[in-house]
Protein backbone atom coordinates (compact mmCIF):
# COMPACT_ATOMS: atom_id res chain seq x y z
CA MET A 1 10.03 40.57 -94.34
CA ARG A 2 12.71 38.79 -96.23
CA HIS A 3 14.17 35.37 -95.12
CA TYR A 4 17.40 33.88 -96.02
CA LEU A 5 18.00 30.14 -96.71
CA LEU A 6 21.27 28.45 -95.44
CA PHE A 7 22.78 25.47 -97.64
CA LEU A 8 24.63 22.83 -95.86
CA LEU A 9 28.55 22.49 -95.98
CA LEU A 10 30.72 19.87 -97.82
CA PHE A 11 33.26 17.70 -96.08
CA PHE A 12 36.43 15.94 -97.04
CA VAL A 13 37.15 12.15 -97.09
CA THR A 14 40.39 10.87 -96.01
CA SER A 15 41.94 7.29 -95.88
CA SER A 16 44.60 5.31 -94.19
CA TRP A 17 46.28 1.94 -94.03
CA GLY A 18 49.34 0.66 -92.11
CA GLN A 19 53.08 -0.37 -91.76
CA THR A 20 56.25 1.91 -91.90
CA ALA A 21 55.23 4.84 -94.44
CA GLU A 22 51.76 3.64 -93.55
CA HIS A 23 52.61 4.29 -89.88
CA TYR A 24 52.97 7.91 -90.58
CA LEU A 25 49.90 7.92 -92.60
CA GLU A 26 47.92 6.51 -89.74
CA ALA A 27 49.59 8.97 -87.32
CA GLY A 28 48.61 11.77 -89.67
CA PHE A 29 45.24 10.52 -90.00
CA GLN A 30 44.72 10.62 -86.24
CA LYS A 31 45.93 14.16 -85.92
CA HIS A 32 43.76 15.19 -88.92
CA GLN A 33 40.74 13.72 -87.13
CA ASN A 34 41.61 15.68 -84.00
CA LYS A 35 41.74 18.88 -86.15
CA ASP A 36 45.51 19.23 -85.69
CA PHE A 37 45.98 19.81 -89.27
CA LYS A 38 49.55 21.41 -89.06
CA GLY A 39 50.63 18.13 -87.19
CA GLY A 40 48.73 16.02 -89.73
CA ILE A 41 50.82 17.65 -92.45
CA VAL A 42 54.08 16.85 -90.77
CA GLU A 43 53.15 13.13 -90.52
CA TYR A 44 51.88 12.95 -93.92
CA THR A 45 54.99 14.69 -95.26
CA LYS A 46 57.06 11.81 -93.38
CA ALA A 47 55.08 9.15 -95.11
CA ILE A 48 55.64 10.76 -98.60
CA GLU A 49 59.35 11.04 -97.79
CA LEU A 50 59.44 7.36 -97.41
CA LYS A 51 57.16 6.54 -100.08
CA GLU A 52 57.19 9.18 -102.90
CA ASP A 53 54.34 7.47 -104.99
CA TYR A 54 51.92 7.43 -101.91
CA ALA A 55 48.87 8.87 -103.52
CA GLN A 56 46.82 8.39 -100.29
CA ALA A 57 49.42 10.49 -98.29
CA TYR A 58 49.12 13.40 -100.95
CA ASN A 59 45.37 13.25 -100.83
CA ASN A 60 45.29 13.41 -97.05
CA ARG A 61 48.00 16.16 -96.80
CA ALA A 62 45.86 18.22 -99.46
CA ALA A 63 42.84 17.95 -97.08
CA CYS A 64 44.85 19.35 -94.16
CA TRP A 65 46.11 22.22 -96.33
CA HIS A 66 42.49 22.88 -97.52
CA GLU A 67 41.42 23.11 -93.78
CA LEU A 68 44.09 25.63 -93.11
CA GLY A 69 42.96 27.66 -95.99
CA HIS A 70 46.14 26.93 -98.19
CA ILE A 71 44.06 26.08 -101.24
CA GLN A 72 46.93 26.51 -103.82
CA GLU A 73 49.14 23.85 -101.80
CA ALA A 74 45.92 21.78 -101.48
CA LEU A 75 45.38 21.63 -105.10
CA GLU A 76 49.02 20.92 -105.98
CA ASP A 77 48.99 17.80 -103.60
CA PHE A 78 45.65 16.60 -105.16
CA ASN A 79 47.17 16.74 -108.42
CA ASN A 80 50.14 14.73 -107.35
CA ALA A 81 47.87 12.08 -105.90
CA LEU A 82 45.96 12.02 -109.41
CA GLN A 83 49.29 11.89 -111.31
CA ILE A 84 50.25 8.96 -109.34
CA ASP A 85 46.84 7.39 -109.42
CA PRO A 86 44.61 8.72 -112.25
CA TYR A 87 41.74 6.31 -110.92
CA TYR A 88 41.65 7.86 -107.54
CA ALA A 89 38.06 8.94 -107.22
CA SER A 90 38.16 10.47 -103.71
CA ALA A 91 41.17 12.61 -104.83
CA TYR A 92 39.01 14.00 -107.68
CA TYR A 93 36.20 14.58 -105.18
CA ASN A 94 38.32 16.37 -102.59
CA LYS A 95 40.14 18.44 -105.29
CA ALA A 96 36.79 19.69 -106.47
CA LEU A 97 35.78 20.91 -102.90
CA SER A 98 39.11 23.01 -103.01
CA LEU A 99 38.18 24.34 -106.21
CA ILE A 100 34.73 25.20 -105.05
CA THR A 101 36.15 27.21 -102.14
CA VAL A 102 37.90 29.57 -104.75
CA LYS A 103 34.90 29.71 -106.86
CA ARG A 104 36.37 27.73 -109.85
CA TYR A 105 33.15 26.00 -110.40
CA ASN A 106 33.37 24.65 -113.78
CA GLU A 107 36.62 22.87 -112.98
CA ALA A 108 35.09 21.58 -109.90
CA ILE A 109 32.37 20.11 -112.05
CA ASP A 110 34.82 18.47 -114.34
CA ASP A 111 36.61 16.84 -111.40
CA LEU A 112 33.25 15.74 -109.92
CA ASN A 113 32.40 14.06 -113.18
CA LYS A 114 35.42 12.15 -113.20
CA ALA A 115 34.88 11.08 -109.62
CA ILE A 116 31.42 9.91 -110.62
CA GLN A 117 32.78 8.02 -113.70
CA LEU A 118 35.12 6.10 -111.53
CA ASN A 119 32.49 5.42 -108.74
CA SER A 120 28.95 6.18 -109.74
CA GLU A 121 27.55 4.71 -106.48
CA ASP A 122 28.83 7.20 -103.97
CA TYR A 123 25.92 9.65 -103.19
CA ASP A 124 28.24 12.26 -101.87
CA TYR A 125 29.62 12.93 -105.39
CA TYR A 126 26.12 13.63 -106.73
CA TYR A 127 25.22 15.80 -103.58
CA SER A 128 28.25 18.01 -104.00
CA ARG A 129 27.97 18.37 -107.90
CA GLY A 130 24.21 19.28 -107.27
CA ASN A 131 25.39 22.06 -104.75
CA VAL A 132 27.86 23.44 -107.52
CA LEU A 133 25.19 23.13 -110.30
CA ARG A 134 22.82 25.09 -108.00
CA ASP A 135 25.18 27.85 -107.19
CA ILE A 136 25.87 28.42 -111.03
CA GLY A 137 22.16 28.42 -111.97
CA ARG A 138 21.91 25.08 -113.52
CA ILE A 139 18.82 24.33 -111.53
CA GLU A 140 17.23 21.30 -113.31
CA GLU A 141 20.63 19.42 -113.36
CA ALA A 142 21.09 20.22 -109.75
CA ILE A 143 17.63 18.67 -108.76
CA GLN A 144 18.68 15.58 -110.74
CA ASP A 145 21.79 15.24 -108.82
CA PHE A 146 19.99 15.54 -105.56
CA ASN A 147 17.48 13.02 -106.87
CA LYS A 148 20.39 10.58 -107.48
CA ALA A 149 21.94 11.19 -104.25
CA ILE A 150 18.71 10.47 -102.48
CA GLU A 151 18.09 7.24 -104.69
CA LEU A 152 21.63 6.01 -103.50
CA ASN A 153 20.96 7.10 -99.72
CA PRO A 154 17.34 7.54 -99.12
CA GLU A 155 17.94 8.77 -95.60
CA ASP A 156 20.51 11.55 -96.48
CA SER A 157 19.05 14.38 -94.54
CA ASN A 158 21.26 16.92 -96.35
CA SER A 159 20.23 16.06 -99.88
CA TYR A 160 16.54 16.48 -98.79
CA ASN A 161 17.28 19.85 -97.28
CA ASN A 162 19.22 21.47 -100.23
CA ARG A 163 16.67 19.99 -102.75
CA GLY A 164 14.01 21.58 -100.56
CA ASN A 165 15.87 24.98 -100.74
CA ILE A 166 15.89 24.77 -104.69
CA LEU A 167 12.30 23.95 -104.89
CA LYS A 168 11.43 26.74 -102.52
CA ASN A 169 13.37 29.16 -104.57
CA ILE A 170 11.43 28.12 -107.84
CA GLY A 171 7.96 28.53 -105.93
CA LEU A 172 7.23 24.79 -105.14
CA ASN A 173 6.70 25.48 -101.63
CA LYS A 174 4.63 22.42 -101.00
CA LYS A 175 7.21 20.05 -102.43
CA ALA A 176 9.91 21.92 -100.52
CA LEU A 177 7.93 21.54 -97.35
CA GLU A 178 7.86 17.68 -98.06
CA ASP A 179 11.64 17.70 -98.37
CA TYR A 180 12.34 19.45 -95.06
CA ASN A 181 10.08 17.16 -93.35
CA LYS A 182 11.91 14.08 -94.83
CA SER A 183 15.23 15.93 -93.69
CA ILE A 184 14.04 16.25 -90.20
CA GLN A 185 12.75 12.86 -90.06
CA PHE A 186 16.04 11.21 -90.87
CA ASN A 187 18.06 13.77 -88.71
CA PRO A 188 16.14 15.40 -86.00
CA ASN A 189 19.22 17.55 -85.21
CA ASN A 190 19.37 19.19 -88.53
CA ALA A 191 19.11 22.82 -87.61
CA HIS A 192 19.33 23.90 -91.11
CA ALA A 193 16.20 21.96 -92.03
CA TYR A 194 14.22 23.44 -89.06
CA ASN A 195 15.27 26.81 -90.12
CA ASN A 196 14.36 26.47 -93.62
CA ARG A 197 11.12 24.81 -92.91
CA GLY A 198 10.28 27.92 -90.75
CA VAL A 199 10.80 30.14 -93.65
CA ILE A 200 8.18 28.08 -95.69
CA LEU A 201 5.65 28.33 -92.79
CA ASP A 202 6.38 32.05 -92.35
CA ASN A 203 5.79 32.84 -96.07
CA SER A 204 2.65 30.91 -95.66
CA ALA A 205 1.61 33.20 -92.80
CA ASN A 206 1.82 30.37 -90.24
CA TYR A 207 3.85 32.46 -87.85
CA ILE A 208 3.21 30.42 -84.57
CA GLU A 209 4.55 27.23 -86.23
CA ALA A 210 7.36 28.89 -87.96
CA ILE A 211 8.66 30.35 -84.65
CA LYS A 212 8.51 26.95 -83.14
CA ASP A 213 10.87 25.69 -86.02
CA PHE A 214 13.16 28.61 -85.56
CA ASN A 215 13.17 27.79 -81.78
CA LYS A 216 14.22 24.21 -82.55
CA ALA A 217 16.97 25.36 -84.82
CA ILE A 218 18.52 27.79 -82.26
CA GLU A 219 18.05 24.98 -79.37
CA ILE A 220 20.13 22.63 -81.61
CA ASN A 221 22.60 25.63 -82.58
CA PRO A 222 22.47 28.58 -80.03
CA ASN A 223 24.75 30.60 -82.35
CA TYR A 224 22.61 30.21 -85.58
CA ILE A 225 22.63 33.62 -86.78
CA GLU A 226 20.08 33.12 -89.61
CA ALA A 227 17.53 31.43 -87.18
CA TYR A 228 17.53 34.36 -85.00
CA ASN A 229 17.06 36.82 -87.74
CA ASN A 230 14.22 34.71 -89.30
CA ARG A 231 12.49 34.28 -85.84
CA GLY A 232 12.60 37.94 -85.42
CA SER A 233 10.90 38.40 -88.91
CA SER A 234 8.14 36.11 -87.61
CA LEU A 235 7.69 38.01 -84.46
CA GLU A 236 7.37 41.18 -86.49
CA ASN A 237 4.82 39.69 -88.63
CA LEU A 238 2.76 38.98 -85.43
CA GLY A 239 3.11 42.67 -84.43
CA LEU A 240 5.69 41.97 -81.63
CA SER A 241 8.20 44.55 -82.84
CA ASN A 242 10.18 44.97 -79.48
CA LYS A 243 10.53 41.08 -79.27
CA ALA A 244 11.72 41.04 -82.89
CA ILE A 245 14.40 43.65 -82.33
CA GLU A 246 15.69 41.47 -79.46
CA ASP A 247 16.39 38.59 -82.02
CA PHE A 248 17.84 41.02 -84.51
CA ASN A 249 20.26 42.52 -81.82
CA LYS A 250 21.32 38.82 -80.97
CA ALA A 251 22.07 38.11 -84.59
CA ILE A 252 24.09 41.44 -84.82
CA GLU A 253 25.87 40.39 -81.60
CA LEU A 254 26.87 37.11 -83.26
CA ASN A 255 27.86 38.59 -86.50
CA PRO A 256 28.23 42.55 -86.60
CA GLU A 257 28.73 42.12 -90.37
CA TYR A 258 25.29 40.41 -91.00
CA ALA A 259 23.54 43.14 -93.11
CA GLU A 260 20.29 41.40 -93.07
CA ALA A 261 19.77 41.85 -89.37
CA TYR A 262 20.41 45.54 -89.67
CA TYR A 263 17.77 45.65 -92.34
CA SER A 264 15.34 43.59 -90.42
CA LYS A 265 15.91 45.64 -87.22
CA ALA A 266 15.40 48.95 -89.27
CA PHE A 267 12.04 47.52 -90.57
CA SER A 268 10.79 46.94 -86.96
CA LEU A 269 12.10 50.24 -85.56
CA ASP A 270 10.32 51.94 -88.57
CA LYS A 271 7.18 50.19 -87.58
CA LEU A 272 7.64 51.53 -83.96
CA GLY A 273 7.89 55.06 -85.30
CA ASN A 274 11.65 55.47 -84.75
CA HIS A 275 12.46 56.60 -88.04
CA LEU A 276 15.84 57.87 -87.38
CA GLU A 277 17.22 55.00 -85.69
CA ALA A 278 15.68 52.99 -88.57
CA ILE A 279 17.54 54.96 -91.05
CA LYS A 280 20.82 54.35 -89.11
CA ASN A 281 20.25 50.58 -89.41
CA TYR A 282 19.41 50.78 -93.01
CA ASN A 283 22.60 52.84 -93.51
CA LYS A 284 24.48 50.05 -92.01
CA ALA A 285 23.00 47.37 -94.09
CA ILE A 286 23.64 49.29 -97.35
CA GLU A 287 27.19 50.04 -96.19
CA LEU A 288 27.92 46.18 -95.86
CA LYS A 289 25.88 45.22 -99.00
CA PRO A 290 25.38 48.31 -101.31
CA LYS A 291 23.98 46.30 -104.15
CA PHE A 292 22.45 43.40 -102.35
CA SER A 293 18.73 44.24 -102.22
CA TYR A 294 16.55 46.82 -103.78
CA LEU A 295 14.46 46.34 -100.51
CA PHE A 296 17.24 48.09 -98.35
CA TYR A 297 16.91 51.24 -100.52
CA PHE A 298 13.18 51.05 -100.79
CA ASN A 299 12.30 50.78 -97.27
CA ARG A 300 14.90 53.40 -96.21
CA GLY A 301 13.12 55.68 -98.76
CA ASN A 302 9.92 55.04 -96.77
CA SER A 303 11.57 56.11 -93.45
CA PHE A 304 12.90 59.22 -95.26
CA LYS A 305 9.60 59.97 -96.61
CA LYS A 306 7.96 59.77 -93.06
CA MET A 307 10.49 62.29 -91.74
CA GLY A 308 9.63 64.56 -94.46
CA LEU A 309 13.19 64.01 -96.23
CA TYR A 310 11.72 63.84 -99.68
CA ARG A 311 14.85 64.40 -101.72
CA GLU A 312 16.59 61.52 -99.94
CA ALA A 313 13.49 59.33 -100.20
CA ILE A 314 13.29 60.13 -104.14
CA ASN A 315 17.03 59.33 -104.33
CA ASP A 316 16.51 55.78 -102.56
CA TYR A 317 13.40 54.98 -104.62
CA ASN A 318 15.47 55.82 -107.86
CA THR A 319 18.23 53.45 -106.67
CA ALA A 320 15.73 50.68 -105.73
CA ILE A 321 14.37 51.00 -109.30
CA GLN A 322 17.98 50.66 -110.75
CA LEU A 323 18.48 47.57 -108.84
CA GLN A 324 15.18 46.10 -109.68
CA LEU A 325 13.78 47.61 -112.86
CA ASP A 326 10.33 46.06 -112.56
CA SER A 327 9.94 47.41 -109.00
CA THR A 328 6.36 48.74 -109.48
CA PRO A 329 5.98 49.69 -105.53
CA ALA A 330 9.19 51.89 -105.91
CA LYS A 331 7.87 53.45 -109.21
CA ASN A 332 4.53 54.20 -107.58
CA LYS A 333 6.22 55.63 -104.36
CA LEU A 334 8.33 57.83 -106.36
CA LYS A 335 5.56 59.26 -108.48
CA ASN A 336 3.46 59.91 -105.46
CA LEU A 337 6.29 61.47 -103.76
CA GLU A 338 7.19 63.82 -106.80
CA ASP A 339 3.60 64.74 -107.12
CA LYS A 340 3.45 65.72 -103.43
CA ILE A 341 6.49 67.69 -103.52
CA LYS A 342 5.31 69.65 -106.48
CA GLU A 343 2.19 70.38 -104.33
CA LYS A 344 3.96 71.40 -101.22
CA ARG A 345 7.36 72.97 -101.93
CA ALA A 346 7.81 76.33 -103.47
CA PRO A 347 10.42 76.57 -106.14
CA LYS A 348 13.58 77.95 -105.20
CA ILE A 349 16.33 80.33 -106.89
CA TRP A 350 19.96 79.20 -106.31
CA ILE A 351 22.66 81.78 -107.22
CA VAL A 352 26.61 81.66 -107.64
CA ALA A 353 27.88 85.10 -108.33
CA VAL A 354 31.43 85.81 -109.10
CA GLY A 355 33.08 89.30 -109.33
CA ILE A 356 36.73 90.00 -109.88
CA ASP A 357 38.13 93.56 -109.87
CA ASN A 358 41.74 92.73 -108.93
CA TYR A 359 43.57 89.43 -110.40
CA GLU A 360 46.49 87.67 -108.98
CA HIS A 361 48.67 88.59 -112.01
CA THR A 362 48.06 92.03 -112.01
CA ALA A 363 50.44 92.63 -115.16
CA LEU A 364 47.99 90.71 -117.25
CA PHE A 365 44.72 92.68 -116.53
CA SER A 366 43.58 96.12 -116.08
CA THR A 367 41.94 96.68 -112.84
CA LEU A 368 38.16 96.88 -112.82
CA ARG A 369 36.00 98.94 -110.41
CA SER A 370 32.43 97.59 -110.00
CA SER A 371 32.62 93.90 -110.45
CA VAL A 372 32.48 92.94 -106.65
CA ASP A 373 30.00 95.74 -106.04
CA ASN A 374 27.59 94.52 -108.65
CA ILE A 375 27.59 90.92 -107.43
CA HIS A 376 26.42 92.10 -104.05
CA LYS A 377 23.80 94.30 -105.72
CA LEU A 378 22.41 91.18 -107.45
CA LYS A 379 22.29 89.37 -104.01
CA ASP A 380 20.47 92.14 -102.56
CA ILE A 381 17.81 92.13 -105.14
CA PHE A 382 17.03 88.46 -104.55
CA VAL A 383 17.35 88.70 -100.75
CA LEU A 384 15.37 91.94 -100.30
CA SER A 385 12.46 90.71 -102.57
CA HIS A 386 12.38 87.54 -100.61
CA LEU A 387 12.97 85.43 -103.85
CA ALA A 388 15.85 83.71 -102.13
CA GLU A 389 17.41 83.16 -98.79
CA GLU A 390 20.91 84.30 -98.16
CA SER A 391 21.90 80.56 -97.85
CA GLN A 392 20.81 80.12 -101.40
CA ILE A 393 23.19 82.76 -102.72
CA ASN A 394 26.93 82.28 -103.01
CA ILE A 395 29.38 85.08 -103.56
CA LEU A 396 33.04 84.66 -104.88
CA PRO A 397 34.88 88.05 -104.87
CA ASN A 398 38.40 88.54 -106.18
CA HIS A 399 40.91 86.18 -104.66
CA ARG A 400 38.00 83.60 -103.71
CA ALA A 401 37.30 83.31 -107.37
CA THR A 402 40.06 80.78 -108.35
CA LYS A 403 39.18 78.36 -111.18
CA GLN A 404 38.80 75.43 -108.70
CA ASN A 405 36.65 77.29 -106.24
CA ILE A 406 34.33 78.55 -109.06
CA LEU A 407 33.98 74.90 -110.51
CA ASN A 408 33.65 73.37 -107.17
CA ILE A 409 30.74 75.87 -105.97
CA ILE A 410 28.92 75.09 -108.97
CA ASP A 411 28.95 71.56 -108.55
CA LYS A 412 27.98 71.65 -104.87
CA LYS A 413 25.55 74.56 -105.02
CA LEU A 414 23.88 74.57 -108.54
CA CYS A 415 24.22 71.03 -109.77
CA ASN A 416 23.68 69.07 -106.46
CA SER A 417 20.79 66.82 -106.65
CA GLN A 418 20.52 66.67 -102.83
CA ILE A 419 19.44 70.25 -102.68
CA ILE A 420 18.14 71.17 -106.26
CA TYR A 421 14.72 70.30 -107.46
CA PRO A 422 13.37 70.06 -110.97
CA GLU A 423 11.18 73.20 -110.43
CA ASP A 424 13.95 75.21 -109.08
CA MET A 425 16.09 77.83 -111.10
CA ILE A 426 19.82 78.20 -111.05
CA ILE A 427 21.59 81.40 -111.87
CA PHE A 428 25.41 81.80 -112.46
CA TYR A 429 26.65 85.39 -112.79
CA PHE A 430 30.22 86.40 -113.70
CA ILE A 431 31.83 89.86 -113.84
CA GLY A 432 35.45 89.88 -114.74
CA HIS A 433 37.89 89.43 -117.83
CA GLY A 434 37.52 87.08 -120.57
CA ILE A 435 39.43 86.03 -123.49
CA ALA A 436 39.16 84.30 -126.77
CA LEU A 437 42.12 82.11 -127.92
CA ASN A 438 42.54 80.00 -130.97
CA ASP A 439 41.07 76.98 -129.54
CA SER A 440 38.56 78.42 -126.92
CA PHE A 441 36.90 81.33 -125.43
CA GLY A 442 35.61 81.86 -121.75
CA ILE A 443 36.05 83.66 -118.53
CA CYS A 444 39.28 84.21 -116.59
CA PRO A 445 39.23 83.24 -112.93
CA TYR A 446 41.22 85.00 -110.25
CA ASP A 447 44.39 82.80 -110.77
CA TYR A 448 44.36 82.92 -114.63
CA LEU A 449 47.95 82.82 -116.10
CA LYS A 450 47.79 80.45 -119.08
CA GLY A 451 45.14 78.98 -121.22
CA ASN A 452 44.81 76.00 -118.84
CA LYS A 453 43.37 78.19 -116.16
CA LEU A 454 40.74 79.60 -118.64
CA ILE A 455 37.15 78.32 -118.04
CA SER A 456 35.67 77.90 -121.33
CA GLU A 457 32.21 78.96 -121.98
CA THR A 458 31.31 75.65 -123.31
CA GLU A 459 32.58 73.98 -120.28
CA LEU A 460 30.73 76.23 -118.00
CA VAL A 461 27.38 75.86 -119.88
CA ASN A 462 27.65 72.11 -120.14
CA LYS A 463 28.24 72.03 -116.14
CA LEU A 464 25.25 74.09 -115.74
CA GLN A 465 23.11 72.00 -117.95
CA SER A 466 23.90 68.96 -115.78
CA SER A 467 21.88 70.68 -112.94
CA PRO A 468 18.54 69.02 -111.95
CA ALA A 469 16.87 72.34 -112.16
CA ARG A 470 14.59 72.83 -115.22
CA HIS A 471 15.83 76.24 -115.90
CA LYS A 472 19.42 77.36 -115.95
CA ILE A 473 20.53 81.11 -116.25
CA CYS A 474 23.96 81.96 -117.28
CA ILE A 475 24.98 85.63 -117.34
CA ILE A 476 28.43 86.79 -118.36
CA GLU A 477 29.90 90.25 -118.35
CA SER A 478 33.49 90.05 -119.46
CA CYS A 479 35.76 91.57 -122.16
CA LYS A 480 36.42 88.74 -124.85
CA SER A 481 38.31 91.08 -127.25
CA LYS A 482 41.28 89.32 -129.09
CA ASN A 483 43.19 92.39 -128.41
CA ILE A 484 43.35 92.75 -124.71
CA PRO A 485 46.89 93.33 -123.37
CA MET A 486 47.25 89.94 -121.71
CA THR A 487 47.77 88.03 -124.88
CA THR A 488 49.42 88.43 -128.34
CA ALA A 489 47.25 85.62 -129.90
CA ASN A 490 45.75 86.42 -133.15
CA VAL A 491 42.18 84.95 -133.42
CA SER A 492 40.93 85.10 -136.91
CA SER A 493 37.56 86.59 -137.84
CA GLN A 494 36.45 83.25 -139.08
CA LYS A 495 37.24 81.62 -135.64
CA LEU A 496 35.31 84.44 -133.92
CA LYS A 497 32.44 83.64 -136.02
CA GLN A 498 32.52 79.98 -135.38
CA PHE A 499 32.58 80.91 -131.59
CA ASN A 500 29.53 82.93 -131.72
CA GLU A 501 27.64 80.39 -133.90
CA LEU A 502 28.45 77.80 -131.08
CA ARG A 503 27.17 79.99 -128.37
CA ASP A 504 23.80 80.41 -130.31
CA GLN A 505 23.27 76.68 -130.38
CA TYR A 506 22.91 76.35 -126.50
CA LYS A 507 19.68 74.72 -125.40
CA ALA A 508 16.51 76.70 -124.54
CA THR A 509 16.49 75.48 -120.99
CA THR A 510 19.87 77.11 -120.42
CA VAL A 511 19.61 80.81 -121.05
CA VAL A 512 23.03 82.30 -121.75
CA ILE A 513 23.07 86.13 -121.81
CA THR A 514 26.56 87.69 -122.41
CA SER A 515 27.55 91.46 -122.34
CA THR A 516 28.81 91.38 -125.82
CA LYS A 517 29.93 89.06 -128.86
CA VAL A 518 32.94 86.98 -128.63
CA GLY A 519 35.77 89.29 -129.77
CA GLU A 520 34.10 92.63 -128.79
CA SER A 521 34.82 94.58 -125.69
CA SER A 522 32.59 95.20 -122.67
CA ILE A 523 32.88 98.78 -121.47
CA GLU A 524 33.02 99.97 -117.80
CA ASP A 525 31.74 103.44 -117.41
CA GLN A 526 33.34 105.82 -114.72
CA TYR A 527 30.00 106.51 -113.26
CA LEU A 528 27.65 103.45 -114.20
CA GLY A 529 30.37 100.85 -113.69
CA GLY A 530 30.06 97.96 -115.95
CA ILE A 531 27.18 99.23 -118.44
CA PHE A 532 25.86 95.81 -119.12
CA SER A 533 25.58 94.82 -115.42
CA HIS A 534 24.12 98.38 -114.61
CA TYR A 535 21.12 97.84 -116.99
CA LEU A 536 20.87 94.04 -116.15
CA LEU A 537 20.22 95.08 -112.52
CA LEU A 538 17.80 97.64 -113.33
CA GLY A 539 15.93 95.22 -115.61
CA MET A 540 15.71 92.68 -112.88
CA LYS A 541 14.50 95.42 -110.24
CA GLY A 542 11.47 95.70 -112.63
CA LYS A 543 12.47 98.15 -115.55
CA ALA A 544 12.35 95.13 -117.94
CA ASP A 545 8.74 94.38 -117.26
CA GLY A 546 6.77 94.46 -120.52
CA HIS A 547 9.72 95.66 -122.55
CA GLY A 548 9.36 94.93 -126.15
CA SER A 549 5.82 94.12 -125.75
CA GLY A 550 4.32 97.11 -123.87
CA LYS A 551 2.27 94.56 -121.63
CA LYS A 552 3.43 94.74 -118.10
CA ASP A 553 2.35 91.71 -116.17
CA ASN A 554 4.56 92.07 -113.15
CA MET A 555 6.80 89.13 -114.37
CA ILE A 556 10.11 89.73 -116.16
CA SER A 557 10.79 87.07 -118.82
CA THR A 558 14.27 86.24 -120.23
CA ARG A 559 13.11 87.82 -123.50
CA GLU A 560 12.21 91.09 -121.70
CA LEU A 561 15.28 91.22 -119.70
CA TYR A 562 17.40 90.79 -122.71
CA GLN A 563 15.76 93.09 -124.93
CA TYR A 564 15.79 95.92 -122.27
CA VAL A 565 19.66 95.38 -121.56
CA LYS A 566 20.51 95.24 -125.31
CA GLU A 567 18.65 98.36 -126.19
CA ASN A 568 20.17 100.47 -123.32
CA VAL A 569 23.72 98.99 -123.71
CA LYS A 570 23.77 99.81 -127.46
CA ARG A 571 22.48 103.06 -126.84
CA GLN A 572 24.79 103.89 -124.03
CA THR A 573 27.96 102.58 -125.94
CA LYS A 574 26.76 104.03 -129.32
CA GLY A 575 26.67 100.63 -130.81
CA ILE A 576 30.18 99.52 -129.81
CA GLN A 577 28.72 96.76 -127.47
CA THR A 578 25.90 94.38 -128.36
CA PRO A 579 24.66 91.86 -125.67
CA GLN A 580 23.91 88.23 -126.70
CA ILE A 581 21.37 85.46 -125.91
CA ASN A 582 20.96 82.16 -127.40
CA THR A 583 18.33 82.16 -129.91
CA ALA A 584 16.40 79.07 -128.53
CA ALA A 585 16.16 80.74 -125.13
CA PHE A 586 15.06 84.01 -126.63
CA ILE A 587 12.16 82.20 -128.54
CA ALA A 588 11.26 80.10 -125.35
CA ASN A 589 10.79 83.36 -123.44
CA ILE A 590 11.05 81.74 -120.05
CA PRO A 591 9.56 83.50 -116.97
CA LEU A 592 12.54 84.75 -114.95
CA LEU A 593 11.39 86.58 -111.89
CA PRO A 594 8.37 88.43 -110.57
CA VAL A 595 8.42 92.06 -109.99
CA PHE A 596 8.70 92.91 -106.22
CA GLU A 597 8.94 96.08 -104.25
CA LEU A 598 12.21 95.74 -102.57
CA ASP A 599 12.66 95.98 -98.72
CA LYS A 600 15.20 98.64 -97.68
CA PRO A 601 18.52 97.05 -96.56
CA SER A 602 18.97 96.92 -92.85
CA LYS A 603 21.45 99.33 -91.34
């Protein structure tokens, strides 16, 4: 379990002395000491009104502004004090503390350097600079400053504690433990030192002693959130998961935004076998700190795996690896799980089929007769042969086939890594009108009116190629003639040649079978319907098995299907229409689907 160290806070220094303006300074100081910071500002302001060059009043008023969270006003007053008295070491120190609050660390270091130059015997200056240097990763310099603070004040509990934290973080646990012991020796009520020593003891598997230190830290400060979380971790390490959860709940009660407590609680719930509740708590931890720790994702992945939610587990292991590239445990878990999935999960076929007979803008398009009928026939082939469940097939007929709907459903159902696995196959099937323009060619959705509604074939194929599925099938039956009634655009033969060459360059893993070349028509027969789809569906039902090779093996490949469709379409259209396939996919000859005897559709 992970533990979290807590560093000590810094405090302001104020000063006062007497008579008239000094009377208001003293009154302000008293209110300041009683935490009446607004009242202190009023009194300090009166002192400044009587004595405009009153550096101490500016310094003390700035300290009140700081306490109220008005950092800009605080900085202005510190600057006024230093303009009046450039040798005012305390003002440099206090200004540095305000700069630290707004994470202007380099400026804070500059002011702390000036304070030390003016007064090299004040251990607080070294202590504070050490904290800033630690926070910006200048560890060796930070240790030197804590060393100097301890040299000037050998009984300063806070310096020992914070130096111990650095030593612990760089792996010098024995020396860190010595510092925590010293911190407690000089201040037996330093709750942070007990908490931090407890962390060291827990990391050394000395859980009982660690719990004693966490108990002491909580006794001193009953609202010590980190101590509850750390004690819970030690209880979990002793196998006392239910007791540990009580401590994690207390930490959450004290701070509902404390991500580490949700993470720790999730870890214990998982150990108790309550994986669902564990995941809920991991979710909360990640919501609060999405990039804080690879362990959040790694252990949530473990819970997902135990519930059989392998895709979610894989996603979490991948995220853990991204957050910590050298995460060998996450890499091993990921590989083992992917191997297990390959052994247990059968590949799936996911289909989106779009068929448009009637378009929104009827004046632009001739009405088709068989598009919607054919997408349902395709669905029947895969459902009745048990190659795909109905939930894996999405149909978009006519008015549902708008450009936005088509692209959205491709993203959600064919390219979604939450449901699509590498061993799966995706199929996109379109029947409708298409067009070739001067700058593009592609399919026309239901709401096509102008070129900006065209779904270019290149855009479509690129989207499909982003799917996690290893094999992608894109089947398009559409008229791509430059002479269709809806356009007067003249596309040159050279441009059409370029379009066809571009299509031929698609990758082998994306099989693109189209009903015709760009610039030619796809024919719809009065009896057969779309001739391309008619033979495509017959080929899928088994007619294409062995076509071109003469060897039937009850498995239809992309090459067999294409050759069967091309031969029959050319014959039926007397050579007018020539189906196309990208060369790389033809050479690859990817197994597409087995030959099954279809069940009869239920009445």
